[in-house]
């Protein structure tokens, strides 16, 4: 195991020392385990059970998140194997999914702005008509 670890550390210029490499790899492993734990519950669910409960925007966000997570894990696996992940087709998939992430984010922001602007606008003429219709005219005494 130490020889393999030494080979891995030599492949990554970020690891200037063996001790630094071990710390970084331990941190990486902990991150991957945390991700695995977080995804476990979601992956156990049937997509057909989850998506009907979500709105269109939430469905898009979930789909993009799962696609990005899958491609990222594949990318990390390639890097861990010592392969050139930048030239692998997974890189174009990551770029494609990132573009969709931007589109979903812009759509969410636009919907939020539209919702906020609708709340703050008051149709003054309609409000006057409602008030006049629902109040009795002042009767002179």
N, C-alpha and C. Protein backbone atom coordinates (compact mmCIF):
# COMPACT_ATOMS: atom_id res chain seq x y z
N UNK A 1 0.81 -1.21 0.00
CA UNK A 1 0.00 0.00 0.00
C UNK A 1 0.84 1.27 0.00
N UNK A 2 1.97 1.26 0.69
CA UNK A 2 2.81 2.45 0.76
C UNK A 2 3.42 2.75 -0.61
N UNK A 3 3.80 1.70 -1.34
CA UNK A 3 4.39 1.89 -2.67
C UNK A 3 3.35 2.48 -3.63
N UNK A 4 2.13 1.99 -3.55
CA UNK A 4 1.06 2.53 -4.39
C UNK A 4 0.79 3.97 -4.02
N UNK A 5 0.75 4.23 -2.73
CA UNK A 5 0.53 5.59 -2.27
C UNK A 5 1.64 6.52 -2.76
N UNK A 6 2.87 6.05 -2.73
CA UNK A 6 4.00 6.85 -3.20
C UNK A 6 3.86 7.15 -4.69
N UNK A 7 3.39 6.16 -5.46
CA UNK A 7 3.19 6.38 -6.90
C UNK A 7 2.09 7.41 -7.13
N UNK A 8 1.01 7.30 -6.38
CA UNK A 8 -0.09 8.26 -6.52
C UNK A 8 0.38 9.66 -6.17
N UNK A 9 1.14 9.78 -5.11
CA UNK A 9 1.62 11.08 -4.66
C UNK A 9 2.54 11.70 -5.71
N UNK A 10 3.36 10.90 -6.35
CA UNK A 10 4.26 11.41 -7.39
C UNK A 10 3.49 11.93 -8.60
N UNK A 11 2.31 11.39 -8.86
CA UNK A 11 1.52 11.79 -10.02
C UNK A 11 0.88 13.16 -9.82
N UNK A 12 0.74 13.59 -8.58
CA UNK A 12 0.06 14.85 -8.29
C UNK A 12 1.07 15.87 -7.78
N UNK A 13 1.33 16.92 -8.56
CA UNK A 13 2.31 17.92 -8.13
C UNK A 13 1.89 18.68 -6.87
N UNK A 14 0.60 18.59 -6.50
CA UNK A 14 0.16 19.29 -5.29
C UNK A 14 0.74 18.67 -4.03
N UNK A 15 1.16 17.41 -4.13
CA UNK A 15 1.69 16.71 -2.97
C UNK A 15 3.20 16.92 -2.91
N UNK A 16 3.63 17.87 -2.11
CA UNK A 16 5.06 18.16 -2.06
C UNK A 16 5.80 17.20 -1.13
N UNK A 17 5.09 16.62 -0.20
CA UNK A 17 5.71 15.65 0.71
C UNK A 17 4.79 14.45 0.85
N UNK A 18 5.37 13.36 1.34
CA UNK A 18 4.58 12.15 1.57
C UNK A 18 3.50 12.41 2.60
N UNK A 19 3.85 13.14 3.66
CA UNK A 19 2.86 13.43 4.71
C UNK A 19 1.74 14.31 4.18
N UNK A 20 2.09 15.31 3.38
CA UNK A 20 1.08 16.18 2.78
C UNK A 20 0.18 15.40 1.85
N UNK A 21 0.78 14.46 1.10
CA UNK A 21 0.00 13.63 0.19
C UNK A 21 -0.98 12.75 0.93
N UNK A 22 -0.54 12.18 2.02
CA UNK A 22 -1.42 11.32 2.81
C UNK A 22 -2.58 12.13 3.37
N UNK A 23 -2.30 13.33 3.85
CA UNK A 23 -3.37 14.18 4.39
C UNK A 23 -4.37 14.55 3.30
N UNK A 24 -3.86 14.90 2.12
CA UNK A 24 -4.76 15.27 1.02
C UNK A 24 -5.60 14.08 0.57
N UNK A 25 -4.98 12.92 0.47
CA UNK A 25 -5.74 11.74 0.06
C UNK A 25 -6.78 11.35 1.11
N UNK A 26 -6.43 11.51 2.38
CA UNK A 26 -7.39 11.22 3.44
C UNK A 26 -8.57 12.19 3.36
N UNK A 27 -8.28 13.45 3.08
CA UNK A 27 -9.34 14.44 2.92
C UNK A 27 -10.22 14.13 1.72
N UNK A 28 -9.58 13.71 0.63
CA UNK A 28 -10.33 13.34 -0.58
C UNK A 28 -11.24 12.15 -0.29
N UNK A 29 -10.70 11.15 0.38
CA UNK A 29 -11.49 9.96 0.71
C UNK A 29 -12.67 10.33 1.59
N UNK A 30 -12.44 11.19 2.56
CA UNK A 30 -13.51 11.61 3.46
C UNK A 30 -14.59 12.35 2.68
N UNK A 31 -14.19 13.18 1.73
CA UNK A 31 -15.16 13.91 0.90
C UNK A 31 -16.00 12.96 0.06
N UNK A 32 -15.34 11.98 -0.54
CA UNK A 32 -16.07 11.01 -1.37
C UNK A 32 -17.02 10.19 -0.51
N UNK A 33 -16.59 9.79 0.67
CA UNK A 33 -17.47 9.03 1.56
C UNK A 33 -18.67 9.88 1.98
N UNK A 34 -18.45 11.16 2.24
CA UNK A 34 -19.56 12.05 2.60
C UNK A 34 -20.54 12.19 1.46
N UNK A 35 -20.02 12.32 0.25
CA UNK A 35 -20.87 12.41 -0.93
C UNK A 35 -21.67 11.12 -1.11
N UNK A 36 -21.01 10.00 -0.92
CA UNK A 36 -21.69 8.71 -1.05
C UNK A 36 -22.82 8.60 -0.04
N UNK A 37 -22.58 9.05 1.17
CA UNK A 37 -23.61 9.01 2.22
C UNK A 37 -24.79 9.91 1.85
N UNK A 38 -24.51 11.10 1.33
CA UNK A 38 -25.57 12.03 0.97
C UNK A 38 -26.39 11.51 -0.21
N UNK A 39 -25.73 10.86 -1.15
CA UNK A 39 -26.42 10.38 -2.33
C UNK A 39 -27.17 9.07 -2.10
N UNK A 40 -26.79 8.34 -1.07
CA UNK A 40 -27.38 7.03 -0.83
C UNK A 40 -28.90 7.07 -0.76
N UNK A 41 -29.44 7.98 0.06
CA UNK A 41 -30.89 8.06 0.21
C UNK A 41 -31.58 8.42 -1.11
N UNK A 42 -30.98 9.36 -1.83
CA UNK A 42 -31.56 9.78 -3.10
C UNK A 42 -31.52 8.65 -4.13
N UNK A 43 -30.42 7.91 -4.15
CA UNK A 43 -30.28 6.83 -5.12
C UNK A 43 -31.17 5.63 -4.79
N UNK A 44 -31.56 5.51 -3.55
CA UNK A 44 -32.45 4.42 -3.15
C UNK A 44 -33.88 4.64 -3.64
N UNK A 45 -34.24 5.88 -3.90
CA UNK A 45 -35.59 6.20 -4.33
C UNK A 45 -35.77 5.94 -5.81
N UNK A 46 -36.95 5.57 -6.18
CA UNK A 46 -37.29 5.44 -7.59
C UNK A 46 -37.57 6.83 -8.14
N UNK A 47 -37.04 7.13 -9.28
CA UNK A 47 -37.25 8.45 -9.88
C UNK A 47 -38.74 8.72 -10.09
N UNK A 48 -39.50 7.68 -10.42
CA UNK A 48 -40.93 7.85 -10.65
C UNK A 48 -41.67 8.22 -9.36
N UNK A 49 -41.07 7.93 -8.21
CA UNK A 49 -41.68 8.30 -6.93
C UNK A 49 -41.36 9.76 -6.57
N UNK A 50 -40.20 10.22 -6.99
CA UNK A 50 -39.73 11.54 -6.58
C UNK A 50 -40.24 12.65 -7.48
N UNK A 51 -40.10 12.49 -8.79
CA UNK A 51 -40.37 13.60 -9.70
C UNK A 51 -41.81 14.10 -9.72
N UNK A 52 -42.84 13.25 -9.54
CA UNK A 52 -44.21 13.82 -9.54
C UNK A 52 -44.44 14.79 -8.38
N UNK A 53 -43.66 14.66 -7.33
CA UNK A 53 -43.82 15.53 -6.17
C UNK A 53 -43.11 16.87 -6.34
N UNK A 54 -42.32 16.99 -7.40
CA UNK A 54 -41.55 18.21 -7.64
C UNK A 54 -42.17 19.03 -8.75
N UNK A 55 -41.94 20.32 -8.69
CA UNK A 55 -42.34 21.20 -9.79
C UNK A 55 -41.37 21.05 -10.94
N UNK A 56 -41.67 21.70 -12.05
CA UNK A 56 -40.81 21.59 -13.23
C UNK A 56 -39.39 22.08 -12.96
N UNK A 57 -39.26 23.20 -12.27
CA UNK A 57 -37.94 23.74 -11.99
C UNK A 57 -37.15 22.79 -11.08
N UNK A 58 -37.80 22.26 -10.06
CA UNK A 58 -37.12 21.34 -9.15
C UNK A 58 -36.72 20.06 -9.88
N UNK A 59 -37.54 19.59 -10.80
CA UNK A 59 -37.19 18.41 -11.60
C UNK A 59 -35.95 18.69 -12.44
N UNK A 60 -35.91 19.86 -13.04
CA UNK A 60 -34.74 20.24 -13.86
C UNK A 60 -33.49 20.33 -12.99
N UNK A 61 -33.62 20.93 -11.82
CA UNK A 61 -32.48 21.05 -10.91
C UNK A 61 -31.97 19.68 -10.48
N UNK A 62 -32.89 18.77 -10.16
CA UNK A 62 -32.51 17.43 -9.75
C UNK A 62 -31.81 16.68 -10.88
N UNK A 63 -32.36 16.79 -12.08
CA UNK A 63 -31.78 16.10 -13.23
C UNK A 63 -30.37 16.60 -13.51
N UNK A 64 -30.19 17.91 -13.50
CA UNK A 64 -28.88 18.48 -13.77
C UNK A 64 -27.90 18.11 -12.66
N UNK A 65 -28.35 18.15 -11.42
CA UNK A 65 -27.49 17.79 -10.30
C UNK A 65 -27.02 16.35 -10.39
N UNK A 66 -27.92 15.44 -10.71
CA UNK A 66 -27.55 14.03 -10.81
C UNK A 66 -26.60 13.79 -11.99
N UNK A 67 -26.86 14.45 -13.11
CA UNK A 67 -25.98 14.30 -14.27
C UNK A 67 -24.59 14.83 -13.97
N UNK A 68 -24.51 15.97 -13.31
CA UNK A 68 -23.21 16.56 -12.98
C UNK A 68 -22.47 15.70 -11.96
N UNK A 69 -23.19 15.20 -10.97
CA UNK A 69 -22.57 14.36 -9.96
C UNK A 69 -22.00 13.10 -10.59
N UNK A 70 -22.78 12.46 -11.45
CA UNK A 70 -22.32 11.25 -12.11
C UNK A 70 -21.08 11.50 -12.96
N UNK A 71 -21.12 12.55 -13.76
CA UNK A 71 -19.98 12.86 -14.62
C UNK A 71 -18.75 13.25 -13.79
N UNK A 72 -18.97 13.96 -12.69
CA UNK A 72 -17.85 14.35 -11.83
C UNK A 72 -17.20 13.14 -11.18
N UNK A 73 -18.02 12.20 -10.73
CA UNK A 73 -17.46 10.99 -10.13
C UNK A 73 -16.67 10.18 -11.16
N UNK A 74 -17.18 10.13 -12.38
CA UNK A 74 -16.46 9.44 -13.45
C UNK A 74 -15.12 10.15 -13.71
N UNK A 75 -15.15 11.47 -13.76
CA UNK A 75 -13.94 12.27 -13.96
C UNK A 75 -12.92 11.97 -12.86
N UNK A 76 -13.39 11.97 -11.60
CA UNK A 76 -12.48 11.70 -10.47
C UNK A 76 -11.92 10.28 -10.55
N UNK A 77 -12.75 9.33 -10.98
CA UNK A 77 -12.27 7.96 -11.13
C UNK A 77 -11.17 7.86 -12.17
N UNK A 78 -11.34 8.56 -13.27
CA UNK A 78 -10.32 8.56 -14.31
C UNK A 78 -9.02 9.17 -13.79
N UNK A 79 -9.15 10.28 -13.08
CA UNK A 79 -7.96 10.93 -12.51
C UNK A 79 -7.27 10.01 -11.51
N UNK A 80 -8.07 9.31 -10.69
CA UNK A 80 -7.49 8.40 -9.71
C UNK A 80 -6.76 7.24 -10.38
N UNK A 81 -7.22 6.85 -11.55
CA UNK A 81 -6.56 5.79 -12.31
C UNK A 81 -5.31 6.30 -13.02
N UNK A 82 -5.09 7.60 -12.99
CA UNK A 82 -3.93 8.17 -13.64
C UNK A 82 -4.14 8.46 -15.12
N UNK A 83 -5.39 8.42 -15.57
CA UNK A 83 -5.69 8.69 -16.98
C UNK A 83 -5.89 10.18 -17.21
N UNK A 84 -5.77 10.58 -18.45
CA UNK A 84 -5.96 11.99 -18.80
C UNK A 84 -7.45 12.25 -18.97
N UNK A 85 -8.07 12.66 -17.90
CA UNK A 85 -9.53 12.89 -17.89
C UNK A 85 -9.93 14.08 -18.76
N UNK A 86 -9.01 15.01 -18.95
CA UNK A 86 -9.32 16.21 -19.75
C UNK A 86 -9.57 15.85 -21.21
N UNK A 87 -9.00 14.77 -21.68
CA UNK A 87 -9.18 14.36 -23.08
C UNK A 87 -10.25 13.28 -23.23
N UNK A 88 -10.82 12.86 -22.14
CA UNK A 88 -11.84 11.81 -22.16
C UNK A 88 -13.20 12.43 -22.49
N UNK A 89 -14.11 11.68 -23.13
CA UNK A 89 -15.45 12.21 -23.45
C UNK A 89 -16.23 12.71 -22.23
N UNK A 90 -15.86 12.26 -21.04
CA UNK A 90 -16.57 12.73 -19.84
C UNK A 90 -16.39 14.24 -19.66
N UNK A 91 -15.27 14.76 -20.16
CA UNK A 91 -15.03 16.21 -20.03
C UNK A 91 -16.05 17.00 -20.85
N UNK A 92 -16.36 16.53 -22.06
CA UNK A 92 -17.37 17.24 -22.85
C UNK A 92 -18.74 17.11 -22.21
N UNK A 93 -18.99 15.98 -21.56
CA UNK A 93 -20.26 15.80 -20.84
C UNK A 93 -20.34 16.77 -19.66
N UNK A 94 -19.25 16.92 -18.94
CA UNK A 94 -19.23 17.89 -17.83
C UNK A 94 -19.49 19.30 -18.34
N UNK A 95 -18.88 19.67 -19.43
CA UNK A 95 -19.10 21.00 -20.01
C UNK A 95 -20.54 21.18 -20.46
N UNK A 96 -21.11 20.14 -21.07
CA UNK A 96 -22.50 20.21 -21.53
C UNK A 96 -23.45 20.38 -20.34
N UNK A 97 -23.22 19.61 -19.29
CA UNK A 97 -24.09 19.68 -18.12
C UNK A 97 -23.93 21.03 -17.42
N UNK A 98 -22.72 21.56 -17.41
CA UNK A 98 -22.51 22.88 -16.80
C UNK A 98 -23.31 23.96 -17.53
N UNK A 99 -23.40 23.85 -18.85
CA UNK A 99 -24.21 24.82 -19.61
C UNK A 99 -25.68 24.72 -19.19
N UNK A 100 -26.16 23.49 -19.00
CA UNK A 100 -27.54 23.33 -18.55
C UNK A 100 -27.73 23.85 -17.13
N UNK A 101 -26.70 23.69 -16.30
CA UNK A 101 -26.79 24.22 -14.94
C UNK A 101 -26.96 25.74 -14.97
N UNK A 102 -26.25 26.40 -15.86
CA UNK A 102 -26.37 27.85 -16.00
C UNK A 102 -27.77 28.22 -16.47
N UNK A 103 -28.31 27.46 -17.44
CA UNK A 103 -29.66 27.73 -17.94
C UNK A 103 -30.70 27.57 -16.83
N UNK A 104 -30.57 26.51 -16.06
CA UNK A 104 -31.52 26.27 -14.97
C UNK A 104 -31.42 27.37 -13.92
N UNK A 105 -30.19 27.77 -13.62
CA UNK A 105 -29.99 28.84 -12.63
C UNK A 105 -30.60 30.15 -13.12
N UNK A 106 -30.39 30.48 -14.41
CA UNK A 106 -30.97 31.71 -14.96
C UNK A 106 -32.49 31.65 -14.94
N UNK A 107 -33.05 30.49 -15.26
CA UNK A 107 -34.50 30.33 -15.24
C UNK A 107 -35.04 30.51 -13.83
N UNK A 108 -34.37 29.91 -12.86
CA UNK A 108 -34.80 30.04 -11.46
C UNK A 108 -34.75 31.50 -11.02
N UNK A 109 -33.69 32.20 -11.41
CA UNK A 109 -33.56 33.61 -11.05
C UNK A 109 -34.65 34.44 -11.72
N UNK A 110 -34.93 34.16 -12.99
CA UNK A 110 -35.98 34.90 -13.72
C UNK A 110 -37.34 34.66 -13.06
N UNK A 111 -37.62 33.42 -12.69
CA UNK A 111 -38.89 33.13 -12.03
C UNK A 111 -39.00 33.85 -10.69
N UNK A 112 -37.90 33.90 -9.97
CA UNK A 112 -37.91 34.59 -8.68
C UNK A 112 -38.16 36.09 -8.87
N UNK A 113 -37.50 36.68 -9.84
CA UNK A 113 -37.68 38.11 -10.11
C UNK A 113 -39.11 38.37 -10.57
N UNK A 114 -39.64 37.53 -11.46
CA UNK A 114 -41.02 37.70 -11.92
C UNK A 114 -42.00 37.60 -10.75
N UNK A 115 -41.79 36.63 -9.89
CA UNK A 115 -42.66 36.44 -8.73
C UNK A 115 -42.60 37.66 -7.81
N UNK A 116 -41.39 38.17 -7.58
CA UNK A 116 -41.22 39.33 -6.71
C UNK A 116 -41.85 40.58 -7.31
N UNK A 117 -41.72 40.75 -8.62
CA UNK A 117 -42.28 41.95 -9.24
C UNK A 117 -43.80 41.91 -9.27
N UNK A 118 -44.38 40.71 -9.40
CA UNK A 118 -45.84 40.61 -9.37
C UNK A 118 -46.38 40.95 -7.99
N UNK A 119 -45.66 40.61 -6.97
CA UNK A 119 -46.11 40.89 -5.61
C UNK A 119 -46.09 42.38 -5.31
N UNK A 120 -45.16 43.10 -5.90
CA UNK A 120 -44.99 44.50 -5.53
C UNK A 120 -45.82 45.46 -6.37
N UNK A 121 -46.43 45.02 -7.45
CA UNK A 121 -47.21 45.91 -8.29
C UNK A 121 -48.66 45.98 -7.80
N UNK A 122 -49.18 47.19 -7.75
CA UNK A 122 -50.56 47.41 -7.36
C UNK A 122 -51.25 48.15 -8.50
N UNK A 123 -52.36 47.60 -8.95
CA UNK A 123 -53.16 48.27 -9.98
C UNK A 123 -54.03 49.29 -9.25
N UNK A 124 -53.60 50.55 -9.30
CA UNK A 124 -54.25 51.62 -8.55
C UNK A 124 -55.70 51.81 -9.00
N UNK A 125 -55.95 51.81 -10.29
CA UNK A 125 -57.31 52.01 -10.79
C UNK A 125 -58.24 50.88 -10.31
N UNK A 126 -57.76 49.65 -10.35
CA UNK A 126 -58.58 48.53 -9.89
C UNK A 126 -58.84 48.65 -8.39
N UNK A 127 -57.84 49.07 -7.65
CA UNK A 127 -58.02 49.24 -6.21
C UNK A 127 -59.07 50.32 -5.91
N UNK A 128 -59.05 51.43 -6.66
CA UNK A 128 -60.05 52.48 -6.47
C UNK A 128 -61.46 51.97 -6.75
N UNK A 129 -61.61 51.21 -7.84
CA UNK A 129 -62.93 50.66 -8.18
C UNK A 129 -63.44 49.72 -7.09
N UNK A 130 -62.58 48.89 -6.57
CA UNK A 130 -62.97 47.95 -5.51
C UNK A 130 -63.40 48.71 -4.27
N UNK A 131 -62.64 49.72 -3.89
CA UNK A 131 -62.96 50.50 -2.70
C UNK A 131 -64.28 51.23 -2.89
N UNK A 132 -64.46 51.85 -4.03
CA UNK A 132 -65.71 52.58 -4.31
C UNK A 132 -66.91 51.63 -4.32
N UNK A 133 -66.76 50.47 -4.89
CA UNK A 133 -67.85 49.52 -4.98
C UNK A 133 -68.24 48.95 -3.61
N UNK A 134 -67.27 48.79 -2.73
CA UNK A 134 -67.52 48.14 -1.44
C UNK A 134 -67.76 49.12 -0.31
N UNK A 135 -67.77 50.38 -0.59
CA UNK A 135 -68.06 51.36 0.46
C UNK A 135 -69.30 52.14 0.05
N UNK A 136 -70.06 52.49 1.05
CA UNK A 136 -71.28 53.27 0.77
C UNK A 136 -70.92 54.74 0.58
N UNK A 137 -71.60 55.37 -0.35
CA UNK A 137 -71.30 56.80 -0.53
C UNK A 137 -71.72 57.58 0.70
N UNK A 138 -71.00 58.62 0.98
CA UNK A 138 -71.31 59.46 2.14
C UNK A 138 -72.63 60.19 1.88
N UNK A 139 -73.56 60.04 2.80
CA UNK A 139 -74.87 60.69 2.67
C UNK A 139 -74.84 61.99 3.44
N UNK A 140 -75.15 63.14 2.78
CA UNK A 140 -75.12 64.41 3.52
C UNK A 140 -76.28 64.45 4.53
N UNK A 141 -76.05 64.98 5.71
CA UNK A 141 -77.07 65.05 6.75
C UNK A 141 -77.65 66.40 6.90
